[in-house]
Protein backbone atom coordinates (compact mmCIF):
# COMPACT_ATOMS: atom_id res chain seq x y z
CA UNK A 1 0.00 0.00 0.00
CA UNK A 2 1.24 3.47 -0.90
CA UNK A 3 0.71 6.46 1.37
CA UNK A 4 -0.15 9.96 0.25
CA UNK A 5 1.62 12.84 2.02
CA UNK A 6 -0.12 15.15 4.50
CA UNK A 7 -0.08 17.98 1.95
CA UNK A 8 -0.94 17.48 -1.70
CA UNK A 9 -1.50 20.68 -3.64
CA UNK A 10 -0.39 21.81 -7.06
CA UNK A 11 3.06 22.53 -5.58
CA UNK A 12 3.54 18.87 -4.53
CA UNK A 13 1.61 17.11 -7.30
CA UNK A 14 4.46 16.48 -9.76
CA UNK A 15 6.80 15.03 -7.12
CA UNK A 16 3.99 12.98 -5.60
CA UNK A 17 3.10 11.42 -8.96
CA UNK A 18 6.76 10.57 -9.52
CA UNK A 19 7.01 8.94 -6.09
CA UNK A 20 3.75 7.04 -6.49
CA UNK A 21 4.68 5.83 -9.97
CA UNK A 22 7.85 4.25 -8.59
CA UNK A 23 5.94 2.71 -5.70
CA UNK A 24 3.13 1.43 -7.90
CA UNK A 25 5.61 -0.40 -10.10
CA UNK A 26 6.93 -2.23 -7.05
CA UNK A 27 3.48 -3.20 -5.72
CA UNK A 28 2.63 -6.81 -6.35
CA UNK A 29 -0.80 -8.35 -6.60
CA UNK A 30 -3.94 -7.67 -8.59
CA UNK A 31 -4.81 -4.38 -6.91
CA UNK A 32 -2.90 -1.13 -6.56
CA UNK A 33 -3.82 0.45 -3.22
CA UNK A 34 -3.25 4.05 -2.16
CA UNK A 35 -3.93 5.20 1.42
CA UNK A 36 -5.07 8.82 1.60
CA UNK A 37 -5.50 8.82 5.38
CA UNK A 38 -2.63 11.23 6.00
CA UNK A 39 -4.05 13.93 3.70
CA UNK A 40 -4.80 17.05 5.70
CA UNK A 41 -4.19 19.87 3.21
CA UNK A 42 -5.06 19.39 -0.45
CA UNK A 43 -6.62 20.94 -3.51
CA UNK A 44 -8.01 19.50 -6.73
CA UNK A 45 -4.48 18.45 -7.67
CA UNK A 46 -4.90 15.56 -5.24
CA UNK A 47 -7.70 14.28 -7.47
CA UNK A 48 -5.46 14.58 -10.51
CA UNK A 49 -2.76 12.55 -8.75
CA UNK A 50 -5.24 9.82 -7.77
CA UNK A 51 -6.72 9.72 -11.27
CA UNK A 52 -3.22 9.27 -12.69
CA UNK A 53 -2.71 6.35 -10.30
CA UNK A 54 -6.00 4.89 -11.53
CA UNK A 55 -4.85 5.29 -15.12
CA UNK A 56 -1.54 3.57 -14.38
CA UNK A 57 -3.26 0.69 -12.60
CA UNK A 58 -5.57 0.12 -15.57
CA UNK A 59 -2.64 0.31 -17.99
CA UNK A 60 -0.92 -2.42 -15.98
CA UNK A 61 -4.08 -4.56 -15.91
CA UNK A 62 -4.73 -4.05 -12.20
CA UNK A 63 -7.60 -2.81 -10.06
CA UNK A 64 -7.21 0.43 -8.15
CA UNK A 65 -8.40 1.27 -4.63
CA UNK A 66 -8.16 4.30 -2.41
CA UNK A 67 -8.37 3.86 1.34
CA UNK A 68 -9.27 6.53 3.87
CA UNK A 69 -10.17 9.21 1.34
CA UNK A 70 -10.95 12.38 3.31
CA UNK A 71 -14.66 13.25 3.14
CA UNK A 72 -13.96 16.68 1.62
CA UNK A 73 -11.86 15.14 -1.14
CA UNK A 74 -14.54 12.52 -1.74
CA UNK A 75 -17.12 15.31 -2.04
CA UNK A 76 -14.87 17.15 -4.49
CA UNK A 77 -14.53 13.99 -6.57
CA UNK A 78 -18.33 13.72 -6.65
CA UNK A 79 -18.66 17.36 -7.66
CA UNK A 80 -16.21 16.83 -10.54
CA UNK A 81 -17.89 13.56 -11.56
CA UNK A 82 -14.83 11.38 -10.99
CA UNK A 83 -15.82 9.56 -7.79
CA UNK A 84 -16.18 6.24 -9.65
CA UNK A 85 -12.46 6.40 -10.50
CA UNK A 86 -11.58 6.37 -6.78
CA UNK A 87 -13.17 3.20 -5.39
CA UNK A 88 -13.13 2.80 -1.63
CA UNK A 89 -10.84 -0.03 -0.64
CA UNK A 90 -12.23 -0.63 2.86
CA UNK A 91 -12.38 -4.35 3.66
CA UNK A 92 -15.91 -5.85 3.56
CA UNK A 93 -17.75 -5.24 6.81
CA UNK A 94 -15.63 -2.24 7.74
CA UNK A 95 -17.43 1.06 7.53
CA UNK A 96 -15.59 3.54 5.35
CA UNK A 97 -14.60 6.95 6.66
CA UNK A 98 -16.08 8.44 3.50
CA UNK A 99 -19.69 9.42 4.01
């Protein structure tokens, strides 16, 4: 599982994508998982980073999951119409933090 940083704005987006790309290549299994639980400060660039991770996962023939997506970022994804690209990866029976 890959972890997003506490801050992910336009200023950090390029470096974060580079770091995640390297980490995603090393992740084994059928599903690429990103944990967004540490995110405290973000803008719409965080969505762009997660969508790029989704694109990479699909290109590599893998599923993509996001865990612990902050509610405000989830709402932003819904507003932009991209929420379906960021599936919640909470284990079955565990209530997601995204409402």
